[in-house]
Amino acid sequence: MTKKEEAQLKRREKLRAEKLRVEEMCSFEKEYSMYSYICGIDEAGRGPLAGPVVAGAVILPKDARILYINDSKKLSEKKREELFDVICSEALAYGIGVVSPERIDEINILQATYEAMREAINKLDITPDILLNDAVTVPEVNIRQVPIIKGDAKSMSIAAASILAKVTRDRMMLEYDAVYPEYGFARHKGYGTKQHTDALVKYGACPIHRRTFIKKFI
């Protein structure tokens, strides 16, 4: 076998393995296939010291098999951006909810996350029959919910929602970086890195900081 043939064989094996992995990520979608519209829900930005919390809601076709989709945290920024466009084009419907730092301070991060998720659901053009959630049950939602621990790595629908939420939030933080460049938001996206906390000590808080998260730094 030539080197070229070996390389082709390896590519085919990798592709086969990826297709099997993606098929496994559809196990919950298959389990609830009696429902017409299955919606994945996930969030990004619960832990940062600055910026909003963002939620995604995605209804994919039942036969959707998006290669390389995964928990957004396991993907490179480039791959997330690529998959964002694929998900938006393939989805039957998707919605994104954003809750501000001020609102997070007002009602706490957990309630703000629920609020972002409800907003994402309400923005869907199709009403889902069932929600697959990453580990939580969202209050005040009259749709059946299935909380799945580490769902963003186990369900294609939840993984898709996690990517939409993460990419949307990262893009927002890049825009904030242009307004408040001294904090380095483009690099850490508001998380509590040393660069970020050092800047907090030096410059104090800016308007997008979560005041309830930064008390020990200023």
N, C-alpha and C. Protein backbone atom coordinates (compact mmCIF):
# COMPACT_ATOMS: atom_id res chain seq x y z
N MET A 1 0.85 -1.20 0.00
CA MET A 1 0.00 0.00 0.00
C MET A 1 0.89 1.25 0.00
N THR A 2 0.58 2.16 -0.87
CA THR A 2 1.36 3.39 -0.96
C THR A 2 0.99 4.33 0.18
N LYS A 3 1.84 5.35 0.41
CA LYS A 3 1.56 6.33 1.45
C LYS A 3 0.26 7.07 1.17
N LYS A 4 0.01 7.33 -0.10
CA LYS A 4 -1.23 8.02 -0.48
C LYS A 4 -2.44 7.16 -0.12
N GLU A 5 -2.34 5.86 -0.42
CA GLU A 5 -3.45 4.95 -0.12
C GLU A 5 -3.64 4.81 1.39
N GLU A 6 -2.51 4.78 2.13
CA GLU A 6 -2.60 4.72 3.59
C GLU A 6 -3.30 5.95 4.16
N ALA A 7 -2.94 7.12 3.60
CA ALA A 7 -3.56 8.37 4.06
C ALA A 7 -5.06 8.38 3.76
N GLN A 8 -5.43 7.88 2.59
CA GLN A 8 -6.85 7.82 2.22
C GLN A 8 -7.60 6.87 3.14
N LEU A 9 -6.96 5.74 3.47
CA LEU A 9 -7.59 4.77 4.36
C LEU A 9 -7.80 5.37 5.75
N LYS A 10 -6.81 6.08 6.25
CA LYS A 10 -6.92 6.71 7.56
C LYS A 10 -8.04 7.75 7.57
N ARG A 11 -8.15 8.51 6.47
CA ARG A 11 -9.23 9.51 6.39
C ARG A 11 -10.59 8.84 6.41
N ARG A 12 -10.71 7.74 5.68
CA ARG A 12 -11.98 7.01 5.66
C ARG A 12 -12.32 6.45 7.03
N GLU A 13 -11.30 5.93 7.73
CA GLU A 13 -11.53 5.38 9.07
C GLU A 13 -11.93 6.48 10.06
N LYS A 14 -11.27 7.63 9.95
CA LYS A 14 -11.62 8.76 10.82
C LYS A 14 -13.05 9.23 10.56
N LEU A 15 -13.42 9.28 9.29
CA LEU A 15 -14.77 9.71 8.93
C LEU A 15 -15.80 8.71 9.45
N ARG A 16 -15.50 7.43 9.31
CA ARG A 16 -16.41 6.40 9.81
C ARG A 16 -16.58 6.52 11.31
N ALA A 17 -15.46 6.73 12.03
CA ALA A 17 -15.53 6.87 13.48
C ALA A 17 -16.33 8.10 13.88
N GLU A 18 -16.17 9.18 13.13
CA GLU A 18 -16.90 10.41 13.42
C GLU A 18 -18.40 10.22 13.20
N LYS A 19 -18.75 9.52 12.13
CA LYS A 19 -20.17 9.26 11.85
C LYS A 19 -20.79 8.41 12.96
N LEU A 20 -20.02 7.44 13.46
CA LEU A 20 -20.52 6.61 14.57
C LEU A 20 -20.70 7.44 15.83
N ARG A 21 -19.73 8.34 16.10
CA ARG A 21 -19.82 9.20 17.29
C ARG A 21 -21.05 10.09 17.22
N VAL A 22 -21.26 10.69 16.06
CA VAL A 22 -22.41 11.57 15.89
C VAL A 22 -23.72 10.80 16.02
N GLU A 23 -23.74 9.58 15.49
CA GLU A 23 -24.95 8.75 15.61
C GLU A 23 -25.25 8.46 17.07
N GLU A 24 -24.21 8.24 17.87
CA GLU A 24 -24.40 8.01 19.31
C GLU A 24 -24.96 9.26 19.98
N MET A 25 -24.60 10.44 19.46
CA MET A 25 -25.11 11.69 20.04
C MET A 25 -26.59 11.91 19.74
N CYS A 26 -27.17 11.06 18.92
CA CYS A 26 -28.59 11.18 18.59
C CYS A 26 -29.45 10.19 19.37
N SER A 27 -28.87 9.55 20.39
CA SER A 27 -29.61 8.51 21.12
C SER A 27 -30.85 9.07 21.82
N PHE A 28 -30.72 10.25 22.42
CA PHE A 28 -31.88 10.84 23.10
C PHE A 28 -32.93 11.30 22.08
N GLU A 29 -32.45 11.82 20.96
CA GLU A 29 -33.39 12.22 19.90
C GLU A 29 -34.16 11.01 19.38
N LYS A 30 -33.50 9.87 19.31
CA LYS A 30 -34.17 8.63 18.87
C LYS A 30 -35.15 8.15 19.95
N GLU A 31 -34.73 8.27 21.21
CA GLU A 31 -35.58 7.81 22.31
C GLU A 31 -36.90 8.56 22.34
N TYR A 32 -36.85 9.86 21.98
CA TYR A 32 -38.06 10.68 22.02
C TYR A 32 -38.56 11.00 20.61
N SER A 33 -38.32 10.09 19.69
CA SER A 33 -38.68 10.32 18.28
C SER A 33 -40.19 10.35 18.05
N MET A 34 -40.97 9.95 19.07
CA MET A 34 -42.42 10.03 18.92
C MET A 34 -42.91 11.48 18.90
N TYR A 35 -42.04 12.41 19.33
CA TYR A 35 -42.37 13.84 19.30
C TYR A 35 -41.94 14.44 17.96
N SER A 36 -42.76 15.33 17.44
CA SER A 36 -42.46 15.93 16.14
C SER A 36 -41.29 16.90 16.20
N TYR A 37 -41.30 17.73 17.24
CA TYR A 37 -40.28 18.78 17.32
C TYR A 37 -39.53 18.69 18.65
N ILE A 38 -38.29 18.25 18.56
CA ILE A 38 -37.42 18.09 19.73
C ILE A 38 -36.46 19.27 19.76
N CYS A 39 -36.42 19.95 20.91
CA CYS A 39 -35.60 21.16 21.03
C CYS A 39 -34.49 20.96 22.06
N GLY A 40 -33.27 21.26 21.67
CA GLY A 40 -32.15 21.26 22.60
C GLY A 40 -31.96 22.64 23.21
N ILE A 41 -31.62 22.68 24.50
CA ILE A 41 -31.43 23.94 25.22
C ILE A 41 -30.08 23.92 25.93
N ASP A 42 -29.33 25.00 25.84
CA ASP A 42 -28.09 25.12 26.61
C ASP A 42 -27.73 26.59 26.74
N GLU A 43 -26.75 26.87 27.63
CA GLU A 43 -26.35 28.25 27.89
C GLU A 43 -24.84 28.41 27.81
N ALA A 44 -24.42 29.65 27.74
CA ALA A 44 -22.99 29.98 27.81
C ALA A 44 -22.84 31.23 28.67
N GLY A 45 -21.84 31.22 29.53
CA GLY A 45 -21.54 32.43 30.29
C GLY A 45 -22.09 32.49 31.69
N ARG A 46 -22.25 31.34 32.36
CA ARG A 46 -22.69 31.40 33.75
C ARG A 46 -21.56 31.85 34.68
N GLY A 47 -20.32 31.49 34.35
CA GLY A 47 -19.22 31.71 35.26
C GLY A 47 -18.43 33.00 35.15
N PRO A 48 -18.46 33.72 34.03
CA PRO A 48 -17.62 34.91 33.87
C PRO A 48 -17.92 36.02 34.87
N LEU A 49 -16.95 36.91 35.01
CA LEU A 49 -17.12 38.09 35.87
C LEU A 49 -17.78 39.24 35.13
N ALA A 50 -17.86 39.13 33.81
CA ALA A 50 -18.40 40.23 32.99
C ALA A 50 -19.19 39.67 31.82
N GLY A 51 -20.09 40.51 31.32
CA GLY A 51 -20.85 40.14 30.14
C GLY A 51 -22.14 39.42 30.47
N PRO A 52 -22.95 39.17 29.45
CA PRO A 52 -24.26 38.55 29.64
C PRO A 52 -24.16 37.03 29.77
N VAL A 53 -25.28 36.43 30.16
CA VAL A 53 -25.45 34.99 30.00
C VAL A 53 -26.35 34.80 28.79
N VAL A 54 -26.01 33.83 27.96
CA VAL A 54 -26.69 33.63 26.68
C VAL A 54 -27.18 32.18 26.59
N ALA A 55 -28.40 31.99 26.11
CA ALA A 55 -28.95 30.65 25.94
C ALA A 55 -29.32 30.42 24.48
N GLY A 56 -29.20 29.18 24.05
CA GLY A 56 -29.61 28.78 22.71
C GLY A 56 -30.68 27.72 22.78
N ALA A 57 -31.60 27.76 21.83
CA ALA A 57 -32.63 26.73 21.68
C ALA A 57 -32.65 26.33 20.21
N VAL A 58 -32.56 25.04 19.93
CA VAL A 58 -32.43 24.58 18.54
C VAL A 58 -33.33 23.37 18.29
N ILE A 59 -34.12 23.45 17.22
CA ILE A 59 -34.89 22.30 16.74
C ILE A 59 -34.28 21.86 15.41
N LEU A 60 -33.70 20.66 15.41
CA LEU A 60 -33.09 20.12 14.20
C LEU A 60 -34.03 19.13 13.53
N PRO A 61 -33.90 18.93 12.22
CA PRO A 61 -34.65 17.85 11.58
C PRO A 61 -34.27 16.51 12.19
N LYS A 62 -35.19 15.56 12.20
CA LYS A 62 -34.90 14.27 12.84
C LYS A 62 -33.77 13.52 12.16
N ASP A 63 -33.56 13.79 10.88
CA ASP A 63 -32.50 13.07 10.17
C ASP A 63 -31.19 13.84 10.15
N ALA A 64 -31.11 14.93 10.89
CA ALA A 64 -29.88 15.75 10.90
C ALA A 64 -28.73 14.95 11.52
N ARG A 65 -27.60 14.98 10.86
CA ARG A 65 -26.38 14.36 11.38
C ARG A 65 -25.23 15.32 11.04
N ILE A 66 -24.95 16.23 11.96
CA ILE A 66 -23.96 17.27 11.71
C ILE A 66 -22.60 16.78 12.22
N LEU A 67 -21.71 16.50 11.31
CA LEU A 67 -20.40 15.97 11.69
C LEU A 67 -19.60 16.99 12.49
N TYR A 68 -18.85 16.49 13.45
CA TYR A 68 -17.93 17.25 14.30
C TYR A 68 -18.65 18.09 15.36
N ILE A 69 -19.96 17.99 15.41
CA ILE A 69 -20.68 18.72 16.46
C ILE A 69 -20.35 18.08 17.80
N ASN A 70 -20.26 18.93 18.84
CA ASN A 70 -19.90 18.44 20.17
C ASN A 70 -20.19 19.55 21.17
N ASP A 71 -19.98 19.25 22.43
CA ASP A 71 -20.00 20.27 23.47
C ASP A 71 -19.11 21.43 23.01
N SER A 72 -19.63 22.64 23.03
CA SER A 72 -18.91 23.79 22.48
C SER A 72 -17.55 23.98 23.14
N LYS A 73 -17.43 23.59 24.42
CA LYS A 73 -16.17 23.77 25.14
C LYS A 73 -15.07 22.85 24.61
N LYS A 74 -15.46 21.80 23.90
CA LYS A 74 -14.49 20.84 23.37
C LYS A 74 -14.04 21.18 21.94
N LEU A 75 -14.57 22.26 21.40
CA LEU A 75 -14.28 22.64 20.02
C LEU A 75 -13.42 23.89 19.97
N SER A 76 -12.63 24.02 18.92
CA SER A 76 -11.87 25.24 18.71
C SER A 76 -12.81 26.37 18.31
N GLU A 77 -12.34 27.59 18.48
CA GLU A 77 -13.15 28.74 18.09
C GLU A 77 -13.50 28.68 16.60
N LYS A 78 -12.53 28.29 15.78
CA LYS A 78 -12.77 28.19 14.33
C LYS A 78 -13.84 27.16 14.02
N LYS A 79 -13.77 26.00 14.67
CA LYS A 79 -14.76 24.95 14.42
C LYS A 79 -16.13 25.38 14.90
N ARG A 80 -16.20 26.07 16.05
CA ARG A 80 -17.50 26.55 16.52
C ARG A 80 -18.12 27.52 15.53
N GLU A 81 -17.31 28.42 14.98
CA GLU A 81 -17.82 29.39 14.00
C GLU A 81 -18.35 28.66 12.76
N GLU A 82 -17.62 27.65 12.31
CA GLU A 82 -18.06 26.88 11.14
C GLU A 82 -19.38 26.17 11.43
N LEU A 83 -19.46 25.53 12.59
CA LEU A 83 -20.66 24.79 12.95
C LEU A 83 -21.85 25.70 13.20
N PHE A 84 -21.59 26.90 13.70
CA PHE A 84 -22.66 27.88 13.92
C PHE A 84 -23.44 28.08 12.62
N ASP A 85 -22.73 28.29 11.52
CA ASP A 85 -23.39 28.53 10.24
C ASP A 85 -24.14 27.28 9.75
N VAL A 86 -23.54 26.11 9.96
CA VAL A 86 -24.19 24.86 9.55
C VAL A 86 -25.48 24.65 10.34
N ILE A 87 -25.40 24.86 11.65
CA ILE A 87 -26.58 24.67 12.51
C ILE A 87 -27.70 25.62 12.11
N CYS A 88 -27.36 26.88 11.90
CA CYS A 88 -28.38 27.87 11.53
C CYS A 88 -29.04 27.51 10.20
N SER A 89 -28.27 26.96 9.28
CA SER A 89 -28.82 26.62 7.97
C SER A 89 -29.65 25.34 8.01
N GLU A 90 -29.28 24.40 8.88
CA GLU A 90 -29.99 23.11 8.92
C GLU A 90 -31.17 23.10 9.88
N ALA A 91 -31.16 23.97 10.88
CA ALA A 91 -32.20 23.95 11.92
C ALA A 91 -33.57 24.27 11.33
N LEU A 92 -34.57 23.60 11.85
CA LEU A 92 -35.95 23.95 11.52
C LEU A 92 -36.31 25.28 12.19
N ALA A 93 -35.74 25.48 13.37
CA ALA A 93 -35.95 26.74 14.10
C ALA A 93 -34.87 26.86 15.16
N TYR A 94 -34.50 28.10 15.46
CA TYR A 94 -33.58 28.33 16.58
C TYR A 94 -33.87 29.69 17.19
N GLY A 95 -33.56 29.81 18.48
CA GLY A 95 -33.74 31.07 19.18
C GLY A 95 -32.58 31.29 20.12
N ILE A 96 -32.28 32.55 20.38
CA ILE A 96 -31.18 32.91 21.28
C ILE A 96 -31.69 33.93 22.30
N GLY A 97 -31.42 33.65 23.57
CA GLY A 97 -31.82 34.56 24.64
C GLY A 97 -30.60 35.16 25.31
N VAL A 98 -30.66 36.45 25.62
CA VAL A 98 -29.55 37.16 26.24
C VAL A 98 -30.05 37.90 27.47
N VAL A 99 -29.36 37.71 28.60
CA VAL A 99 -29.70 38.43 29.83
C VAL A 99 -28.48 39.22 30.28
N SER A 100 -28.68 40.48 30.57
CA SER A 100 -27.60 41.42 30.82
C SER A 100 -26.94 41.22 32.18
N PRO A 101 -25.73 41.77 32.35
CA PRO A 101 -25.06 41.74 33.66
C PRO A 101 -25.90 42.40 34.75
N GLU A 102 -26.58 43.49 34.42
CA GLU A 102 -27.42 44.17 35.42
C GLU A 102 -28.53 43.25 35.92
N ARG A 103 -29.12 42.53 34.99
CA ARG A 103 -30.20 41.61 35.37
C ARG A 103 -29.65 40.43 36.17
N ILE A 104 -28.45 39.97 35.82
CA ILE A 104 -27.80 38.90 36.60
C ILE A 104 -27.63 39.34 38.04
N ASP A 105 -27.15 40.56 38.23
CA ASP A 105 -26.96 41.08 39.59
C ASP A 105 -28.29 41.21 40.34
N GLU A 106 -29.33 41.50 39.59
CA GLU A 106 -30.64 41.73 40.20
C GLU A 106 -31.29 40.43 40.68
N ILE A 107 -31.20 39.36 39.87
CA ILE A 107 -31.98 38.15 40.19
C ILE A 107 -31.12 36.91 40.45
N ASN A 108 -29.82 37.00 40.33
CA ASN A 108 -28.80 35.95 40.49
C ASN A 108 -28.62 35.17 39.18
N ILE A 109 -27.48 34.52 39.06
CA ILE A 109 -27.09 33.92 37.79
C ILE A 109 -27.98 32.73 37.41
N LEU A 110 -28.43 31.95 38.39
CA LEU A 110 -29.29 30.82 38.05
C LEU A 110 -30.61 31.28 37.46
N GLN A 111 -31.25 32.25 38.12
CA GLN A 111 -32.52 32.77 37.61
C GLN A 111 -32.33 33.48 36.27
N ALA A 112 -31.19 34.14 36.11
CA ALA A 112 -30.89 34.81 34.83
C ALA A 112 -30.71 33.78 33.73
N THR A 113 -30.10 32.65 34.06
CA THR A 113 -29.95 31.58 33.07
C THR A 113 -31.30 31.05 32.64
N TYR A 114 -32.18 30.81 33.61
CA TYR A 114 -33.53 30.36 33.27
C TYR A 114 -34.24 31.39 32.39
N GLU A 115 -34.06 32.66 32.71
CA GLU A 115 -34.71 33.72 31.94
C GLU A 115 -34.20 33.72 30.49
N ALA A 116 -32.89 33.55 30.33
CA ALA A 116 -32.31 33.49 28.97
C ALA A 116 -32.85 32.28 28.21
N MET A 117 -33.00 31.16 28.89
CA MET A 117 -33.53 29.96 28.24
C MET A 117 -34.98 30.14 27.82
N ARG A 118 -35.79 30.75 28.69
CA ARG A 118 -37.19 31.01 28.32
C ARG A 118 -37.27 31.95 27.12
N GLU A 119 -36.39 32.95 27.11
CA GLU A 119 -36.37 33.88 25.98
C GLU A 119 -36.00 33.15 24.68
N ALA A 120 -35.02 32.27 24.76
CA ALA A 120 -34.62 31.51 23.58
C ALA A 120 -35.76 30.64 23.06
N ILE A 121 -36.46 29.98 23.98
CA ILE A 121 -37.60 29.15 23.59
C ILE A 121 -38.68 30.00 22.94
N ASN A 122 -38.96 31.15 23.52
CA ASN A 122 -40.03 32.02 23.00
C ASN A 122 -39.70 32.60 21.64
N LYS A 123 -38.42 32.63 21.28
CA LYS A 123 -38.02 33.16 19.98
C LYS A 123 -38.07 32.12 18.86
N LEU A 124 -38.36 30.87 19.20
CA LEU A 124 -38.47 29.83 18.19
C LEU A 124 -39.69 30.07 17.30
N ASP A 125 -39.54 29.85 16.01
CA ASP A 125 -40.66 29.97 15.09
C ASP A 125 -41.60 28.78 15.16
N ILE A 126 -41.14 27.70 15.76
CA ILE A 126 -41.92 26.48 15.94
C ILE A 126 -42.01 26.19 17.43
N THR A 127 -43.18 25.82 17.90
CA THR A 127 -43.32 25.45 19.32
C THR A 127 -42.86 24.01 19.50
N PRO A 128 -41.85 23.77 20.31
CA PRO A 128 -41.36 22.40 20.48
C PRO A 128 -42.33 21.54 21.28
N ASP A 129 -42.25 20.23 21.05
CA ASP A 129 -43.07 19.28 21.79
C ASP A 129 -42.37 18.79 23.05
N ILE A 130 -41.03 18.85 23.04
CA ILE A 130 -40.23 18.39 24.17
C ILE A 130 -38.90 19.13 24.17
N LEU A 131 -38.38 19.36 25.36
CA LEU A 131 -37.10 20.06 25.50
C LEU A 131 -36.07 19.10 26.10
N LEU A 132 -34.92 19.02 25.45
CA LEU A 132 -33.77 18.30 26.01
C LEU A 132 -32.84 19.37 26.57
N ASN A 133 -32.66 19.37 27.88
CA ASN A 133 -31.91 20.44 28.55
C ASN A 133 -30.58 19.90 29.08
N ASP A 134 -29.60 20.77 29.10
CA ASP A 134 -28.32 20.39 29.70
C ASP A 134 -28.40 20.52 31.22
N ALA A 135 -28.86 19.45 31.85
CA ALA A 135 -28.80 19.28 33.31
C ALA A 135 -29.84 20.05 34.13
N VAL A 136 -30.60 20.94 33.53
CA VAL A 136 -31.53 21.74 34.33
C VAL A 136 -32.97 21.53 33.87
N THR A 137 -33.90 21.90 34.76
CA THR A 137 -35.32 21.99 34.41
C THR A 137 -35.70 23.45 34.54
N VAL A 138 -36.17 24.04 33.46
CA VAL A 138 -36.43 25.48 33.42
C VAL A 138 -37.83 25.76 33.99
N PRO A 139 -37.93 26.58 35.04
CA PRO A 139 -39.25 26.90 35.60
C PRO A 139 -40.09 27.72 34.60
N GLU A 140 -41.41 27.65 34.81
CA GLU A 140 -42.36 28.48 34.07
C GLU A 140 -42.37 28.16 32.57
N VAL A 141 -42.12 26.92 32.24
CA VAL A 141 -42.19 26.48 30.84
C VAL A 141 -43.15 25.30 30.78
N ASN A 142 -44.22 25.42 30.01
CA ASN A 142 -45.25 24.39 29.95
C ASN A 142 -45.01 23.42 28.79
N ILE A 143 -43.79 22.92 28.72
CA ILE A 143 -43.41 21.93 27.72
C ILE A 143 -42.66 20.84 28.47
N ARG A 144 -42.86 19.59 28.08
CA ARG A 144 -42.14 18.51 28.76
C ARG A 144 -40.63 18.73 28.63
N GLN A 145 -39.92 18.52 29.74
CA GLN A 145 -38.48 18.72 29.75
C GLN A 145 -37.75 17.46 30.21
N VAL A 146 -36.61 17.20 29.59
CA VAL A 146 -35.76 16.09 29.97
C VAL A 146 -34.38 16.64 30.31
N PRO A 147 -34.04 16.79 31.59
CA PRO A 147 -32.69 17.25 31.94
C PRO A 147 -31.68 16.12 31.76
N ILE A 148 -30.59 16.40 31.08
CA ILE A 148 -29.57 15.39 30.78
C ILE A 148 -28.23 15.88 31.32
N ILE A 149 -27.65 15.15 32.24
CA ILE A 149 -26.34 15.52 32.79
C ILE A 149 -25.30 15.45 31.67
N LYS A 150 -24.51 16.53 31.54
CA LYS A 150 -23.52 16.64 30.46
C LYS A 150 -24.18 16.43 29.09
N GLY A 151 -25.37 16.98 28.98
CA GLY A 151 -26.15 16.80 27.76
C GLY A 151 -25.50 17.37 26.52
N ASP A 152 -24.66 18.41 26.70
CA ASP A 152 -24.03 19.02 25.52
C ASP A 152 -23.01 18.09 24.87
N ALA A 153 -22.62 17.00 25.56
CA ALA A 153 -21.72 16.01 24.97
C ALA A 153 -22.46 14.73 24.60
N LYS A 154 -23.78 14.67 24.91
CA LYS A 154 -24.54 13.44 24.69
C LYS A 154 -25.68 13.59 23.70
N SER A 155 -26.10 14.81 23.44
CA SER A 155 -27.25 15.06 22.57
C SER A 155 -26.88 16.06 21.48
N MET A 156 -27.16 15.71 20.23
CA MET A 156 -26.86 16.62 19.13
C MET A 156 -27.63 17.93 19.26
N SER A 157 -28.88 17.85 19.70
CA SER A 157 -29.70 19.05 19.82
C SER A 157 -29.14 20.00 20.88
N ILE A 158 -28.72 19.43 22.03
CA ILE A 158 -28.16 20.26 23.09
C ILE A 158 -26.80 20.82 22.66
N ALA A 159 -25.99 19.99 22.00
CA ALA A 159 -24.69 20.46 21.51
C ALA A 159 -24.87 21.63 20.54
N ALA A 160 -25.86 21.52 19.67
CA ALA A 160 -26.14 22.60 18.72
C ALA A 160 -26.51 23.88 19.46
N ALA A 161 -27.34 23.75 20.49
CA ALA A 161 -27.73 24.92 21.29
C ALA A 161 -26.52 25.51 22.00
N SER A 162 -25.63 24.65 22.50
CA SER A 162 -24.45 25.15 23.21
C SER A 162 -23.54 25.94 22.28
N ILE A 163 -23.44 25.50 21.03
CA ILE A 163 -22.60 26.21 20.05
C ILE A 163 -23.21 27.56 19.70
N LEU A 164 -24.51 27.61 19.48
CA LEU A 164 -25.15 28.90 19.17
C LEU A 164 -24.97 29.87 20.32
N ALA A 165 -25.15 29.38 21.55
CA ALA A 165 -25.01 30.25 22.72
C ALA A 165 -23.57 30.74 22.87
N LYS A 166 -22.62 29.83 22.76
CA LYS A 166 -21.22 30.18 22.96
C LYS A 166 -20.73 31.16 21.90
N VAL A 167 -21.01 30.89 20.63
CA VAL A 167 -20.54 31.76 19.55
C VAL A 167 -21.18 33.14 19.66
N THR A 168 -22.47 33.18 19.96
CA THR A 168 -23.15 34.47 20.11
C THR A 168 -22.52 35.28 21.24
N ARG A 169 -22.28 34.64 22.37
CA ARG A 169 -21.69 35.36 23.50
C ARG A 169 -20.26 35.81 23.19
N ASP A 170 -19.47 34.94 22.59
CA ASP A 170 -18.09 35.31 22.25
C ASP A 170 -18.05 36.51 21.32
N ARG A 171 -18.96 36.53 20.36
CA ARG A 171 -19.01 37.67 19.43
C ARG A 171 -19.37 38.96 20.18
N MET A 172 -20.26 38.86 21.14
CA MET A 172 -20.62 40.03 21.94
C MET A 172 -19.42 40.53 22.75
N MET A 173 -18.66 39.59 23.30
CA MET A 173 -17.50 39.98 24.11
C MET A 173 -16.41 40.61 23.24
N LEU A 174 -16.31 40.20 22.00
CA LEU A 174 -15.36 40.84 21.08
C LEU A 174 -15.77 42.29 20.84
N GLU A 175 -17.07 42.53 20.72
CA GLU A 175 -17.55 43.89 20.54
C GLU A 175 -17.29 44.73 21.80
N TYR A 176 -17.48 44.13 22.96
CA TYR A 176 -17.20 44.84 24.21
C TYR A 176 -15.71 45.15 24.34
N ASP A 177 -14.86 44.28 23.82
CA ASP A 177 -13.42 44.49 23.89
C ASP A 177 -13.02 45.78 23.17
N ALA A 178 -13.73 46.09 22.09
CA ALA A 178 -13.42 47.33 21.36
C ALA A 178 -13.81 48.57 22.17
N VAL A 179 -14.79 48.41 23.05
CA VAL A 179 -15.27 49.54 23.86
C VAL A 179 -14.43 49.67 25.14
N TYR A 180 -14.07 48.53 25.72
CA TYR A 180 -13.31 48.52 26.98
C TYR A 180 -12.02 47.69 26.78
N PRO A 181 -11.08 48.16 25.99
CA PRO A 181 -9.92 47.35 25.61
C PRO A 181 -8.97 47.01 26.76
N GLU A 182 -9.03 47.78 27.83
CA GLU A 182 -8.06 47.56 28.92
C GLU A 182 -8.26 46.24 29.67
N TYR A 183 -9.44 45.60 29.50
CA TYR A 183 -9.72 44.38 30.26
C TYR A 183 -9.34 43.09 29.52
N GLY A 184 -9.14 43.16 28.21
CA GLY A 184 -8.78 41.96 27.45
C GLY A 184 -9.92 41.01 27.18
N PHE A 185 -11.15 41.53 27.05
CA PHE A 185 -12.31 40.67 26.84
C PHE A 185 -12.19 39.78 25.61
N ALA A 186 -11.47 40.22 24.59
CA ALA A 186 -11.33 39.42 23.37
C ALA A 186 -10.60 38.11 23.66
N ARG A 187 -9.73 38.16 24.65
CA ARG A 187 -8.94 36.96 24.96
C ARG A 187 -9.68 36.02 25.90
N HIS A 188 -10.21 36.55 27.00
CA HIS A 188 -10.77 35.65 28.03
C HIS A 188 -12.29 35.64 28.08
N LYS A 189 -12.94 36.50 27.30
CA LYS A 189 -14.40 36.54 27.19
C LYS A 189 -15.10 36.82 28.53
N GLY A 190 -14.38 37.49 29.43
CA GLY A 190 -14.99 37.88 30.69
C GLY A 190 -14.73 36.93 31.84
N TYR A 191 -14.08 35.80 31.59
CA TYR A 191 -13.78 34.87 32.67
C TYR A 191 -12.67 35.44 33.57
N GLY A 192 -12.56 34.86 34.76
CA GLY A 192 -11.69 35.44 35.78
C GLY A 192 -10.23 35.05 35.66
N THR A 193 -9.63 35.30 34.52
CA THR A 193 -8.21 35.02 34.35
C THR A 193 -7.39 36.05 35.13
N LYS A 194 -6.09 35.77 35.29
CA LYS A 194 -5.22 36.71 35.98
C LYS A 194 -5.18 38.06 35.26
N GLN A 195 -5.12 38.01 33.93
CA GLN A 195 -5.14 39.26 33.16
C GLN A 195 -6.37 40.08 33.50
N HIS A 196 -7.51 39.40 33.61
CA HIS A 196 -8.77 40.10 33.87
C HIS A 196 -8.81 40.65 35.29
N THR A 197 -8.45 39.83 36.26
CA THR A 197 -8.53 40.29 37.65
C THR A 197 -7.49 41.38 37.95
N ASP A 198 -6.33 41.28 37.31
CA ASP A 198 -5.33 42.35 37.47
C ASP A 198 -5.87 43.67 36.92
N ALA A 199 -6.57 43.59 35.77
CA ALA A 199 -7.15 44.79 35.18
C ALA A 199 -8.25 45.36 36.06
N LEU A 200 -9.02 44.46 36.69
CA LEU A 200 -10.07 44.91 37.62
C LEU A 200 -9.47 45.69 38.78
N VAL A 201 -8.39 45.17 39.33
CA VAL A 201 -7.73 45.85 40.44
C VAL A 201 -7.19 47.21 40.00
N LYS A 202 -6.65 47.25 38.79
CA LYS A 202 -6.03 48.48 38.30
C LYS A 202 -7.05 49.52 37.85
N TYR A 203 -8.07 49.10 37.12
CA TYR A 203 -8.99 50.05 36.49
C TYR A 203 -10.37 50.11 37.16
N GLY A 204 -10.66 49.15 38.04
CA GLY A 204 -12.01 49.09 38.59
C GLY A 204 -12.97 48.44 37.61
N ALA A 205 -14.24 48.47 37.94
CA ALA A 205 -15.25 47.81 37.10
C ALA A 205 -15.68 48.71 35.95
N CYS A 206 -16.09 48.05 34.86
CA CYS A 206 -16.71 48.77 33.74
C CYS A 206 -18.19 48.41 33.71
N PRO A 207 -18.99 49.05 32.86
CA PRO A 207 -20.44 48.83 32.89
C PRO A 207 -20.91 47.40 32.65
N ILE A 208 -20.08 46.53 32.05
CA ILE A 208 -20.57 45.17 31.78
C ILE A 208 -20.11 44.18 32.85
N HIS A 209 -19.45 44.64 33.89
CA HIS A 209 -19.07 43.72 34.96
C HIS A 209 -20.27 43.37 35.83
N ARG A 210 -20.27 42.14 36.32
CA ARG A 210 -21.30 41.67 37.24
C ARG A 210 -20.86 42.05 38.65
N ARG A 211 -21.50 43.03 39.22
CA ARG A 211 -21.05 43.56 40.51
C ARG A 211 -21.06 42.50 41.61
N THR A 212 -22.01 41.58 41.55
CA THR A 212 -22.08 40.54 42.58
C THR A 212 -20.99 39.50 42.42
N PHE A 213 -20.28 39.52 41.27
CA PHE A 213 -19.23 38.53 41.03
C PHE A 213 -17.83 39.06 41.36
N ILE A 214 -17.70 40.36 41.51
CA ILE A 214 -16.34 40.94 41.55
C ILE A 214 -16.03 41.64 42.88
N LYS A 215 -16.82 41.36 43.90
CA LYS A 215 -16.67 42.06 45.19
C LYS A 215 -15.27 41.89 45.78
N LYS A 216 -14.65 40.74 45.58
CA LYS A 216 -13.35 40.51 46.21
C LYS A 216 -12.20 41.13 45.44
N PHE A 217 -12.49 41.69 44.26
CA PHE A 217 -11.44 42.27 43.43
C PHE A 217 -11.39 43.80 43.48
N ILE A 218 -12.48 44.42 43.90
CA ILE A 218 -12.51 45.89 43.91
C ILE A 218 -13.08 46.39 45.24
